Amino acid sequence: QVQLVESGGGLVQPGGSLRLSCVASGRILSTISMDWYRQAPGKERELVASMTGGGNTGYADSVKGRFTVSRDNAKNTLYLQMNSLMPEDTTVYYCRYLRVWGQGTLVTVSS
């Protein structure tokens, strides 16, 4: 059974950077896409970034040019490099593999 564990969240000032990690345990296929989502209180979960098994990436308009998704298949790990963070990026970030979700990691952007 696959489990996902996110880490790397925390408090950062506007304009700062954070790198989130999502480590998968169990058997996962490198050919299957993995995604980063985020969900603010009272809002629907939003797709932030995706990486296909072939290495293609996609981003929400709100994070294009600031966030970069990457994947290390040898380590079963998905990353999200977040630069130029803004207060509106504050929320819980989740990774997803097929129907499996991690527990989330909180990112707070505040001065």
PDB file of N, CA and C in Angstrom:
ATOM      1  N   GLN A   1       0.846  -1.184   0.000  1.00  0.00           N
ATOM      2  CA  GLN A   1       0.000   0.000   0.000  1.00  0.00           C
ATOM      3  C   GLN A   1       0.887   1.241   0.000  1.00  0.00           C
ATOM      4  N   VAL A   2       0.566   2.162  -0.893  1.00  0.00           N
ATOM      5  CA  VAL A   2       1.368   3.377  -1.016  1.00  0.00           C
ATOM      6  C   VAL A   2       0.972   4.380   0.056  1.00  0.00           C
ATOM      7  N   GLN A   3       1.969   4.996   0.657  1.00  0.00           N
ATOM      8  CA  GLN A   3       1.745   6.109   1.574  1.00  0.00           C
ATOM      9  C   GLN A   3       2.625   7.267   1.154  1.00  0.00           C
ATOM     10  N   LEU A   4       2.119   8.477   1.362  1.00  0.00           N
ATOM     11  CA  LEU A   4       2.842   9.688   0.990  1.00  0.00           C
ATOM     12  C   LEU A   4       3.053  10.551   2.224  1.00  0.00           C
ATOM     13  N   VAL A   5       4.260  11.060   2.391  1.00  0.00           N
ATOM     14  CA  VAL A   5       4.558  11.925   3.526  1.00  0.00           C
ATOM     15  C   VAL A   5       5.217  13.199   3.017  1.00  0.00           C
ATOM     16  N   GLU A   6       4.552  14.320   3.250  1.00  0.00           N
ATOM     17  CA  GLU A   6       5.102  15.620   2.844  1.00  0.00           C
ATOM     18  C   GLU A   6       5.908  16.226   3.983  1.00  0.00           C
ATOM     19  N   SER A   7       6.853  17.065   3.616  1.00  0.00           N
ATOM     20  CA  SER A   7       7.638  17.819   4.589  1.00  0.00           C
ATOM     21  C   SER A   7       8.178  19.064   3.913  1.00  0.00           C
ATOM     22  N   GLY A   8       8.752  19.958   4.728  1.00  0.00           N
ATOM     23  CA  GLY A   8       9.388  21.141   4.175  1.00  0.00           C
ATOM     24  C   GLY A   8       8.598  22.426   4.359  1.00  0.00           C
ATOM     25  N   GLY A   9       7.379  22.315   4.861  1.00  0.00           N
ATOM     26  CA  GLY A   9       6.604  23.525   5.100  1.00  0.00           C
ATOM     27  C   GLY A   9       7.149  24.310   6.275  1.00  0.00           C
ATOM     28  N   GLY A  10       6.632  25.517   6.443  1.00  0.00           N
ATOM     29  CA  GLY A  10       7.073  26.346   7.548  1.00  0.00           C
ATOM     30  C   GLY A  10       6.690  27.790   7.323  1.00  0.00           C
ATOM     31  N   LEU A  11       7.282  28.646   8.143  1.00  0.00           N
ATOM     32  CA  LEU A  11       7.030  30.082   8.068  1.00  0.00           C
ATOM     33  C   LEU A  11       8.142  30.757   7.279  1.00  0.00           C
ATOM     34  N   VAL A  12       7.764  31.560   6.318  1.00  0.00           N
ATOM     35  CA  VAL A  12       8.746  32.267   5.501  1.00  0.00           C
ATOM     36  C   VAL A  12       8.224  33.667   5.214  1.00  0.00           C
ATOM     37  N   GLN A  13       9.142  34.597   5.048  1.00  0.00           N
ATOM     38  CA  GLN A  13       8.751  35.968   4.735  1.00  0.00           C
ATOM     39  C   GLN A  13       8.374  36.097   3.265  1.00  0.00           C
ATOM     40  N   PRO A  14       7.540  37.074   2.935  1.00  0.00           N
ATOM     41  CA  PRO A  14       7.227  37.309   1.520  1.00  0.00           C
ATOM     42  C   PRO A  14       8.508  37.505   0.712  1.00  0.00           C
ATOM     43  N   GLY A  15       8.514  36.883  -0.455  1.00  0.00           N
ATOM     44  CA  GLY A  15       9.706  36.914  -1.291  1.00  0.00           C
ATOM     45  C   GLY A  15      10.668  35.780  -1.033  1.00  0.00           C
ATOM     46  N   GLY A  16      10.431  35.034   0.014  1.00  0.00           N
ATOM     47  CA  GLY A  16      11.310  33.930   0.368  1.00  0.00           C
ATOM     48  C   GLY A  16      11.019  32.664  -0.404  1.00  0.00           C
ATOM     49  N   SER A  17      11.748  31.612  -0.031  1.00  0.00           N
ATOM     50  CA  SER A  17      11.637  30.330  -0.730  1.00  0.00           C
ATOM     51  C   SER A  17      11.485  29.183   0.259  1.00  0.00           C
ATOM     52  N   LEU A  18      10.851  28.150  -0.225  1.00  0.00           N
ATOM     53  CA  LEU A  18      10.747  26.890   0.500  1.00  0.00           C
ATOM     54  C   LEU A  18      10.804  25.757  -0.518  1.00  0.00           C
ATOM     55  N   ARG A  19      11.252  24.604  -0.046  1.00  0.00           N
ATOM     56  CA  ARG A  19      11.251  23.403  -0.883  1.00  0.00           C
ATOM     57  C   ARG A  19      10.475  22.313  -0.170  1.00  0.00           C
ATOM     58  N   LEU A  20       9.384  21.909  -0.757  1.00  0.00           N
ATOM     59  CA  LEU A  20       8.581  20.828  -0.201  1.00  0.00           C
ATOM     60  C   LEU A  20       9.041  19.494  -0.782  1.00  0.00           C
ATOM     61  N   SER A  21       8.933  18.459   0.037  1.00  0.00           N
ATOM     62  CA  SER A  21       9.241  17.102  -0.398  1.00  0.00           C
ATOM     63  C   SER A  21       8.059  16.201  -0.108  1.00  0.00           C
ATOM     64  N   CYS A  22       7.885  15.217  -0.948  1.00  0.00           N
ATOM     65  CA  CYS A  22       6.845  14.207  -0.749  1.00  0.00           C
ATOM     66  C   CYS A  22       7.490  12.853  -1.004  1.00  0.00           C
ATOM     67  N   VAL A  23       7.658  12.088   0.062  1.00  0.00           N
ATOM     68  CA  VAL A  23       8.290  10.777  -0.048  1.00  0.00           C
ATOM     69  C   VAL A  23       7.207   9.706  -0.078  1.00  0.00           C
ATOM     70  N   ALA A  24       7.315   8.847  -1.070  1.00  0.00           N
ATOM     71  CA  ALA A  24       6.352   7.762  -1.222  1.00  0.00           C
ATOM     72  C   ALA A  24       6.949   6.455  -0.723  1.00  0.00           C
ATOM     73  N   SER A  25       6.188   5.754   0.099  1.00  0.00           N
ATOM     74  CA  SER A  25       6.588   4.417   0.515  1.00  0.00           C
ATOM     75  C   SER A  25       5.655   3.415  -0.142  1.00  0.00           C
ATOM     76  N   GLY A  26       6.145   2.213  -0.306  1.00  0.00           N
ATOM     77  CA  GLY A  26       5.380   1.234  -1.057  1.00  0.00           C
ATOM     78  C   GLY A  26       5.761   1.314  -2.521  1.00  0.00           C
ATOM     79  N   ARG A  27       5.121   0.485  -3.289  1.00  0.00           N
ATOM     80  CA  ARG A  27       5.484   0.424  -4.690  1.00  0.00           C
ATOM     81  C   ARG A  27       4.755   1.494  -5.488  1.00  0.00           C
ATOM     82  N   ILE A  28       5.533   2.370  -6.137  1.00  0.00           N
ATOM     83  CA  ILE A  28       4.938   3.329  -7.050  1.00  0.00           C
ATOM     84  C   ILE A  28       5.599   3.167  -8.407  1.00  0.00           C
ATOM     85  N   LEU A  29       4.879   3.574  -9.416  1.00  0.00           N
ATOM     86  CA  LEU A  29       5.367   3.481 -10.775  1.00  0.00           C
ATOM     87  C   LEU A  29       5.848   4.841 -11.240  1.00  0.00           C
ATOM     88  N   SER A  30       7.055   4.885 -11.731  1.00  0.00           N
ATOM     89  CA  SER A  30       7.608   6.159 -12.197  1.00  0.00           C
ATOM     90  C   SER A  30       6.876   6.668 -13.430  1.00  0.00           C
ATOM     91  N   THR A  31       6.088   5.819 -14.061  1.00  0.00           N
ATOM     92  CA  THR A  31       5.358   6.231 -15.253  1.00  0.00           C
ATOM     93  C   THR A  31       4.046   6.927 -14.924  1.00  0.00           C
ATOM     94  N   ILE A  32       3.678   6.936 -13.665  1.00  0.00           N
ATOM     95  CA  ILE A  32       2.430   7.557 -13.239  1.00  0.00           C
ATOM     96  C   ILE A  32       2.695   8.971 -12.753  1.00  0.00           C
ATOM     97  N   SER A  33       1.823   9.887 -13.109  1.00  0.00           N
ATOM     98  CA  SER A  33       1.975  11.277 -12.693  1.00  0.00           C
ATOM     99  C   SER A  33       1.862  11.427 -11.182  1.00  0.00           C
ATOM    100  N   MET A  34       2.536  12.440 -10.685  1.00  0.00           N
ATOM    101  CA  MET A  34       2.367  12.859  -9.289  1.00  0.00           C
ATOM    102  C   MET A  34       2.106  14.355  -9.282  1.00  0.00           C
ATOM    103  N   ASP A  35       1.339  14.787  -8.291  1.00  0.00           N
ATOM    104  CA  ASP A  35       0.867  16.167  -8.289  1.00  0.00           C
ATOM    105  C   ASP A  35       1.020  16.826  -6.915  1.00  0.00           C
ATOM    106  N   TRP A  36       1.087  18.135  -6.954  1.00  0.00           N
ATOM    107  CA  TRP A  36       0.982  18.957  -5.751  1.00  0.00           C
ATOM    108  C   TRP A  36      -0.334  19.734  -5.802  1.00  0.00           C
ATOM    109  N   TYR A  37      -1.057  19.715  -4.695  1.00  0.00           N
ATOM    110  CA  TYR A  37      -2.287  20.481  -4.532  1.00  0.00           C
ATOM    111  C   TYR A  37      -2.135  21.371  -3.305  1.00  0.00           C
ATOM    112  N   ARG A  38      -3.036  22.320  -3.201  1.00  0.00           N
ATOM    113  CA  ARG A  38      -3.132  23.102  -1.976  1.00  0.00           C
ATOM    114  C   ARG A  38      -4.587  23.421  -1.716  1.00  0.00           C
ATOM    115  N   GLN A  39      -4.898  23.633  -0.455  1.00  0.00           N
ATOM    116  CA  GLN A  39      -6.282  23.922  -0.079  1.00  0.00           C
ATOM    117  C   GLN A  39      -6.310  24.915   1.064  1.00  0.00           C
ATOM    118  N   ALA A  40      -6.876  26.067   0.789  1.00  0.00           N
ATOM    119  CA  ALA A  40      -7.068  27.079   1.816  1.00  0.00           C
ATOM    120  C   ALA A  40      -8.398  26.826   2.511  1.00  0.00           C
ATOM    121  N   PRO A  41      -8.537  27.274   3.754  1.00  0.00           N
ATOM    122  CA  PRO A  41      -9.795  27.078   4.485  1.00  0.00           C
ATOM    123  C   PRO A  41     -10.975  27.642   3.715  1.00  0.00           C
ATOM    124  N   GLY A  42     -12.016  26.843   3.601  1.00  0.00           N
ATOM    125  CA  GLY A  42     -13.228  27.290   2.927  1.00  0.00           C
ATOM    126  C   GLY A  42     -13.165  27.271   1.420  1.00  0.00           C
ATOM    127  N   LYS A  43     -12.042  26.797   0.874  1.00  0.00           N
ATOM    128  CA  LYS A  43     -11.895  26.760  -0.582  1.00  0.00           C
ATOM    129  C   LYS A  43     -11.680  25.325  -1.049  1.00  0.00           C
ATOM    130  N   GLU A  44     -11.922  25.122  -2.339  1.00  0.00           N
ATOM    131  CA  GLU A  44     -11.691  23.804  -2.912  1.00  0.00           C
ATOM    132  C   GLU A  44     -10.188  23.555  -3.071  1.00  0.00           C
ATOM    133  N   ARG A  45      -9.859  22.274  -3.087  1.00  0.00           N
ATOM    134  CA  ARG A  45      -8.463  21.924  -3.294  1.00  0.00           C
ATOM    135  C   ARG A  45      -8.054  22.306  -4.715  1.00  0.00           C
ATOM    136  N   GLU A  46      -6.888  22.927  -4.828  1.00  0.00           N
ATOM    137  CA  GLU A  46      -6.412  23.487  -6.099  1.00  0.00           C
ATOM    138  C   GLU A  46      -5.174  22.736  -6.568  1.00  0.00           C
ATOM    139  N   LEU A  47      -5.183  22.332  -7.837  1.00  0.00           N
ATOM    140  CA  LEU A  47      -3.988  21.718  -8.418  1.00  0.00           C
ATOM    141  C   LEU A  47      -2.926  22.784  -8.628  1.00  0.00           C
ATOM    142  N   VAL A  48      -1.763  22.590  -8.055  1.00  0.00           N
ATOM    143  CA  VAL A  48      -0.679  23.571  -8.130  1.00  0.00           C
ATOM    144  C   VAL A  48       0.319  23.196  -9.222  1.00  0.00           C
ATOM    145  N   ALA A  49       0.755  21.940  -9.206  1.00  0.00           N
ATOM    146  CA  ALA A  49       1.778  21.513 -10.161  1.00  0.00           C
ATOM    147  C   ALA A  49       1.690  20.011 -10.364  1.00  0.00           C
ATOM    148  N   SER A  50       2.022  19.586 -11.574  1.00  0.00           N
ATOM    149  CA  SER A  50       2.006  18.161 -11.912  1.00  0.00           C
ATOM    150  C   SER A  50       3.271  17.792 -12.652  1.00  0.00           C
ATOM    151  N   MET A  51       3.664  16.545 -12.466  1.00  0.00           N
ATOM    152  CA  MET A  51       4.749  16.006 -13.275  1.00  0.00           C
ATOM    153  C   MET A  51       4.327  14.628 -13.758  1.00  0.00           C
ATOM    154  N   THR A  52       4.339  14.444 -15.065  1.00  0.00           N
ATOM    155  CA  THR A  52       3.975  13.151 -15.639  1.00  0.00           C
ATOM    156  C   THR A  52       5.141  12.182 -15.513  1.00  0.00           C
ATOM    157  N   GLY A  53       4.861  10.931 -15.798  1.00  0.00           N
ATOM    158  CA  GLY A  53       5.927   9.950 -15.782  1.00  0.00           C
ATOM    159  C   GLY A  53       6.998  10.244 -16.817  1.00  0.00           C
ATOM    160  N   GLY A  54       6.623  10.918 -17.879  1.00  0.00           N
ATOM    161  CA  GLY A  54       7.578  11.259 -18.914  1.00  0.00           C
ATOM    162  C   GLY A  54       8.350  12.532 -18.637  1.00  0.00           C
ATOM    163  N   GLY A  55       8.047  13.180 -17.514  1.00  0.00           N
ATOM    164  CA  GLY A  55       8.795  14.366 -17.133  1.00  0.00           C
ATOM    165  C   GLY A  55       8.152  15.674 -17.550  1.00  0.00           C
ATOM    166  N   ASN A  56       6.983  15.590 -18.175  1.00  0.00           N
ATOM    167  CA  ASN A  56       6.300  16.837 -18.522  1.00  0.00           C
ATOM    168  C   ASN A  56       5.696  17.464 -17.278  1.00  0.00           C
ATOM    169  N   THR A  57       5.693  18.793 -17.247  1.00  0.00           N
ATOM    170  CA  THR A  57       5.191  19.496 -16.073  1.00  0.00           C
ATOM    171  C   THR A  57       4.064  20.446 -16.452  1.00  0.00           C
ATOM    172  N   GLY A  58       3.247  20.729 -15.459  1.00  0.00           N
ATOM    173  CA  GLY A  58       2.171  21.692 -15.637  1.00  0.00           C
ATOM    174  C   GLY A  58       1.973  22.460 -14.347  1.00  0.00           C
ATOM    175  N   TYR A  59       1.542  23.701 -14.465  1.00  0.00           N
ATOM    176  CA  TYR A  59       1.413  24.577 -13.302  1.00  0.00           C
ATOM    177  C   TYR A  59       0.121  25.387 -13.356  1.00  0.00           C
ATOM    178  N   ALA A  60      -0.375  25.707 -12.179  1.00  0.00           N
ATOM    179  CA  ALA A  60      -1.468  26.660 -12.098  1.00  0.00           C
ATOM    180  C   ALA A  60      -0.942  28.027 -12.507  1.00  0.00           C
ATOM    181  N   ASP A  61      -1.809  28.830 -13.109  1.00  0.00           N
ATOM    182  CA  ASP A  61      -1.378  30.164 -13.551  1.00  0.00           C
ATOM    183  C   ASP A  61      -0.817  30.986 -12.396  1.00  0.00           C
ATOM    184  N   SER A  62      -1.371  30.778 -11.227  1.00  0.00           N
ATOM    185  CA  SER A  62      -0.984  31.584 -10.070  1.00  0.00           C
ATOM    186  C   SER A  62       0.446  31.309  -9.595  1.00  0.00           C
ATOM    187  N   VAL A  63       1.033  30.203 -10.027  1.00  0.00           N
ATOM    188  CA  VAL A  63       2.386  29.869  -9.546  1.00  0.00           C
ATOM    189  C   VAL A  63       3.412  29.761 -10.672  1.00  0.00           C
ATOM    190  N   LYS A  64       2.983  29.903 -11.913  1.00  0.00           N
ATOM    191  CA  LYS A  64       3.914  29.804 -13.041  1.00  0.00           C
ATOM    192  C   LYS A  64       5.036  30.809 -12.914  1.00  0.00           C
ATOM    193  N   GLY A  65       6.242  30.339 -13.142  1.00  0.00           N
ATOM    194  CA  GLY A  65       7.406  31.207 -13.058  1.00  0.00           C
ATOM    195  C   GLY A  65       7.964  31.329 -11.648  1.00  0.00           C
ATOM    196  N   ARG A  66       7.226  30.834 -10.665  1.00  0.00           N
ATOM    197  CA  ARG A  66       7.697  30.912  -9.273  1.00  0.00           C
ATOM    198  C   ARG A  66       7.938  29.535  -8.674  1.00  0.00           C
ATOM    199  N   PHE A  67       7.136  28.565  -9.043  1.00  0.00           N
ATOM    200  CA  PHE A  67       7.238  27.215  -8.488  1.00  0.00           C
ATOM    201  C   PHE A  67       7.799  26.270  -9.551  1.00  0.00           C
ATOM    202  N   THR A  68       8.557  25.297  -9.086  1.00  0.00           N
ATOM    203  CA  THR A  68       9.107  24.275  -9.973  1.00  0.00           C
ATOM    204  C   THR A  68       8.913  22.896  -9.352  1.00  0.00           C
ATOM    205  N   VAL A  69       8.286  22.004 -10.093  1.00  0.00           N
ATOM    206  CA  VAL A  69       8.088  20.634  -9.624  1.00  0.00           C
ATOM    207  C   VAL A  69       9.175  19.750 -10.228  1.00  0.00           C
ATOM    208  N   SER A  70       9.660  18.819  -9.417  1.00  0.00           N
ATOM    209  CA  SER A  70      10.657  17.870  -9.894  1.00  0.00           C
ATOM    210  C   SER A  70      10.452  16.543  -9.178  1.00  0.00           C
ATOM    211  N   ARG A  71      11.146  15.533  -9.677  1.00  0.00           N
ATOM    212  CA  ARG A  71      10.906  14.189  -9.152  1.00  0.00           C
ATOM    213  C   ARG A  71      12.203  13.383  -9.210  1.00  0.00           C
ATOM    214  N   ASP A  72      12.467  12.669  -8.145  1.00  0.00           N
ATOM    215  CA  ASP A  72      13.605  11.763  -8.097  1.00  0.00           C
ATOM    216  C   ASP A  72      13.045  10.357  -7.966  1.00  0.00           C
ATOM    217  N   ASN A  73      12.961   9.645  -9.066  1.00  0.00           N
ATOM    218  CA  ASN A  73      12.341   8.321  -9.049  1.00  0.00           C
ATOM    219  C   ASN A  73      13.159   7.320  -8.225  1.00  0.00           C
ATOM    220  N   ALA A  74      14.454   7.508  -8.173  1.00  0.00           N
ATOM    221  CA  ALA A  74      15.289   6.595  -7.379  1.00  0.00           C
ATOM    222  C   ALA A  74      14.977   6.708  -5.894  1.00  0.00           C
ATOM    223  N   LYS A  75      14.528   7.896  -5.491  1.00  0.00           N
ATOM    224  CA  LYS A  75      14.214   8.133  -4.079  1.00  0.00           C
ATOM    225  C   LYS A  75      12.710   8.137  -3.818  1.00  0.00           C
ATOM    226  N   ASN A  76      11.920   7.861  -4.850  1.00  0.00           N
ATOM    227  CA  ASN A  76      10.457   7.903  -4.707  1.00  0.00           C
ATOM    228  C   ASN A  76       9.990   9.225  -4.115  1.00  0.00           C
ATOM    229  N   THR A  77      10.572  10.310  -4.575  1.00  0.00           N
ATOM    230  CA  THR A  77      10.305  11.612  -3.972  1.00  0.00           C
ATOM    231  C   THR A  77       9.905  12.630  -5.018  1.00  0.00           C
ATOM    232  N   LEU A  78       8.872  13.383  -4.691  1.00  0.00           N
ATOM    233  CA  LEU A  78       8.409  14.504  -5.492  1.00  0.00           C
ATOM    234  C   LEU A  78       8.760  15.783  -4.739  1.00  0.00           C
ATOM    235  N   TYR A  79       9.234  16.780  -5.459  1.00  0.00           N
ATOM    236  CA  TYR A  79       9.624  18.047  -4.849  1.00  0.00           C
ATOM    237  C   TYR A  79       8.795  19.198  -5.417  1.00  0.00           C
ATOM    238  N   LEU A  80       8.703  20.267  -4.620  1.00  0.00           N
ATOM    239  CA  LEU A  80       8.126  21.510  -5.107  1.00  0.00           C
ATOM    240  C   LEU A  80       9.000  22.650  -4.591  1.00  0.00           C
ATOM    241  N   GLN A  81       9.767  23.238  -5.487  1.00  0.00           N
ATOM    242  CA  GLN A  81      10.575  24.402  -5.145  1.00  0.00           C
ATOM    243  C   GLN A  81       9.703  25.628  -5.317  1.00  0.00           C
ATOM    244  N   MET A  82       9.546  26.385  -4.254  1.00  0.00           N
ATOM    245  CA  MET A  82       8.670  27.551  -4.264  1.00  0.00           C
ATOM    246  C   MET A  82       9.506  28.794  -4.002  1.00  0.00           C
ATOM    247  N   ASN A  83       9.553  29.676  -4.983  1.00  0.00           N
ATOM    248  CA  ASN A  83      10.299  30.928  -4.875  1.00  0.00           C
ATOM    249  C   ASN A  83       9.344  32.106  -4.943  1.00  0.00           C
ATOM    250  N   SER A  84       9.851  33.265  -4.546  1.00  0.00           N
ATOM    251  CA  SER A  84       9.048  34.497  -4.589  1.00  0.00           C
ATOM    252  C   SER A  84       7.687  34.281  -3.935  1.00  0.00           C
ATOM    253  N   LEU A  85       7.709  33.691  -2.773  1.00  0.00           N
ATOM    254  CA  LEU A  85       6.448  33.363  -2.100  1.00  0.00           C
ATOM    255  C   LEU A  85       5.695  34.616  -1.697  1.00  0.00           C
ATOM    256  N   MET A  86       4.387  34.502  -1.758  1.00  0.00           N
ATOM    257  CA  MET A  86       3.489  35.617  -1.443  1.00  0.00           C
ATOM    258  C   MET A  86       2.530  35.186  -0.347  1.00  0.00           C
ATOM    259  N   PRO A  87       1.973  36.109   0.393  1.00  0.00           N
ATOM    260  CA  PRO A  87       1.032  35.748   1.455  1.00  0.00           C
ATOM    261  C   PRO A  87      -0.120  34.873   0.966  1.00  0.00           C
ATOM    262  N   GLU A  88      -0.543  35.078  -0.273  1.00  0.00           N
ATOM    263  CA  GLU A  88      -1.651  34.268  -0.786  1.00  0.00           C
ATOM    264  C   GLU A  88      -1.255  32.832  -1.073  1.00  0.00           C
ATOM    265  N   ASP A  89       0.004  32.502  -0.947  1.00  0.00           N
ATOM    266  CA  ASP A  89       0.451  31.111  -1.072  1.00  0.00           C
ATOM    267  C   ASP A  89       0.286  30.355   0.249  1.00  0.00           C
ATOM    268  N   THR A  90      -0.102  31.070   1.280  1.00  0.00           N
ATOM    269  CA  THR A  90      -0.277  30.451   2.599  1.00  0.00           C
ATOM    270  C   THR A  90      -1.428  29.461   2.584  1.00  0.00           C
ATOM    271  N   THR A  91      -1.120  28.227   2.871  1.00  0.00           N
ATOM    272  CA  THR A  91      -2.131  27.186   2.993  1.00  0.00           C
ATOM    273  C   THR A  91      -1.442  25.842   3.208  1.00  0.00           C
ATOM    274  N   VAL A  92      -2.234  24.776   3.253  1.00  0.00           N
ATOM    275  CA  VAL A  92      -1.682  23.433   3.377  1.00  0.00           C
ATOM    276  C   VAL A  92      -1.458  22.856   1.976  1.00  0.00           C
ATOM    277  N   TYR A  93      -0.288  22.264   1.772  1.00  0.00           N
ATOM    278  CA  TYR A  93       0.080  21.666   0.492  1.00  0.00           C
ATOM    279  C   TYR A  93       0.081  20.145   0.623  1.00  0.00           C
ATOM    280  N   TYR A  94      -0.494  19.494  -0.383  1.00  0.00           N
ATOM    281  CA  TYR A  94      -0.624  18.041  -0.390  1.00  0.00           C
ATOM    282  C   TYR A  94      -0.011  17.482  -1.673  1.00  0.00           C
ATOM    283  N   CYS A  95       0.544  16.289  -1.565  1.00  0.00           N
ATOM    284  CA  CYS A  95       0.922  15.598  -2.790  1.00  0.00           C
ATOM    285  C   CYS A  95      -0.053  14.447  -3.028  1.00  0.00           C
ATOM    286  N   ARG A  96      -0.116  14.031  -4.271  1.00  0.00           N
ATOM    287  CA  ARG A  96      -1.067  13.000  -4.664  1.00  0.00           C
ATOM    288  C   ARG A  96      -0.431  12.050  -5.664  1.00  0.00           C
ATOM    289  N   TYR A  97      -0.721  10.773  -5.471  1.00  0.00           N
ATOM    290  CA  TYR A  97      -0.333   9.727  -6.421  1.00  0.00           C
ATOM    291  C   TYR A  97      -1.550   8.842  -6.616  1.00  0.00           C
ATOM    292  N   LEU A  98      -2.107   8.886  -7.811  1.00  0.00           N
ATOM    293  CA  LEU A  98      -3.366   8.187  -8.095  1.00  0.00           C
ATOM    294  C   LEU A  98      -4.407   8.644  -7.062  1.00  0.00           C
ATOM    295  N   ARG A  99      -4.957   7.738  -6.274  1.00  0.00           N
ATOM    296  CA  ARG A  99      -5.984   8.137  -5.302  1.00  0.00           C
ATOM    297  C   ARG A  99      -5.414   8.317  -3.900  1.00  0.00           C
ATOM    298  N   VAL A 100      -4.119   8.286  -3.794  1.00  0.00           N
ATOM    299  CA  VAL A 100      -3.483   8.390  -2.484  1.00  0.00           C
ATOM    300  C   VAL A 100      -3.039   9.828  -2.236  1.00  0.00           C
ATOM    301  N   TRP A 101      -3.350  10.324  -1.042  1.00  0.00           N
ATOM    302  CA  TRP A 101      -2.974  11.682  -0.639  1.00  0.00           C
ATOM    303  C   TRP A 101      -2.083  11.625   0.594  1.00  0.00           C
ATOM    304  N   GLY A 102      -1.183  12.573   0.674  1.00  0.00           N
ATOM    305  CA  GLY A 102      -0.416  12.740   1.890  1.00  0.00           C
ATOM    306  C   GLY A 102      -1.220  13.505   2.933  1.00  0.00           C
ATOM    307  N   GLN A 103      -0.612  13.720   4.100  1.00  0.00           N
ATOM    308  CA  GLN A 103      -1.304  14.395   5.189  1.00  0.00           C
ATOM    309  C   GLN A 103      -1.221  15.916   5.077  1.00  0.00           C
ATOM    310  N   GLY A 104      -0.345  16.393   4.229  1.00  0.00           N
ATOM    311  CA  GLY A 104      -0.208  17.824   4.013  1.00  0.00           C
ATOM    312  C   GLY A 104       0.900  18.447   4.842  1.00  0.00           C
ATOM    313  N   THR A 105       1.412  19.558   4.347  1.00  0.00           N
ATOM    314  CA  THR A 105       2.409  20.342   5.077  1.00  0.00           C
ATOM    315  C   THR A 105       2.019  21.808   4.955  1.00  0.00           C
ATOM    316  N   LEU A 106       2.068  22.507   6.079  1.00  0.00           N
ATOM    317  CA  LEU A 106       1.585  23.885   6.126  1.00  0.00           C
ATOM    318  C   LEU A 106       2.666  24.868   5.717  1.00  0.00           C
ATOM    319  N   VAL A 107       2.319  25.738   4.794  1.00  0.00           N
ATOM    320  CA  VAL A 107       3.191  26.826   4.372  1.00  0.00           C
ATOM    321  C   VAL A 107       2.545  28.142   4.797  1.00  0.00           C
ATOM    322  N   THR A 108       3.302  28.947   5.520  1.00  0.00           N
ATOM    323  CA  THR A 108       2.820  30.251   5.969  1.00  0.00           C
ATOM    324  C   THR A 108       3.775  31.324   5.486  1.00  0.00           C
ATOM    325  N   VAL A 109       3.236  32.252   4.707  1.00  0.00           N
ATOM    326  CA  VAL A 109       4.047  33.349   4.174  1.00  0.00           C
ATOM    327  C   VAL A 109       3.585  34.635   4.856  1.00  0.00           C
ATOM    328  N   SER A 110       4.441  35.158   5.703  1.00  0.00           N
ATOM    329  CA  SER A 110       4.055  36.317   6.489  1.00  0.00           C
ATOM    330  C   SER A 110       5.289  37.043   6.978  1.00  0.00           C
ATOM    331  N   SER A 111       5.159  38.366   7.104  1.00  0.00           N
ATOM    332  CA  SER A 111       6.262  39.164   7.663  1.00  0.00           C
ATOM    333  C   SER A 111       6.079  39.333   9.163  1.00  0.00           C
TER     334      SER A 111
END
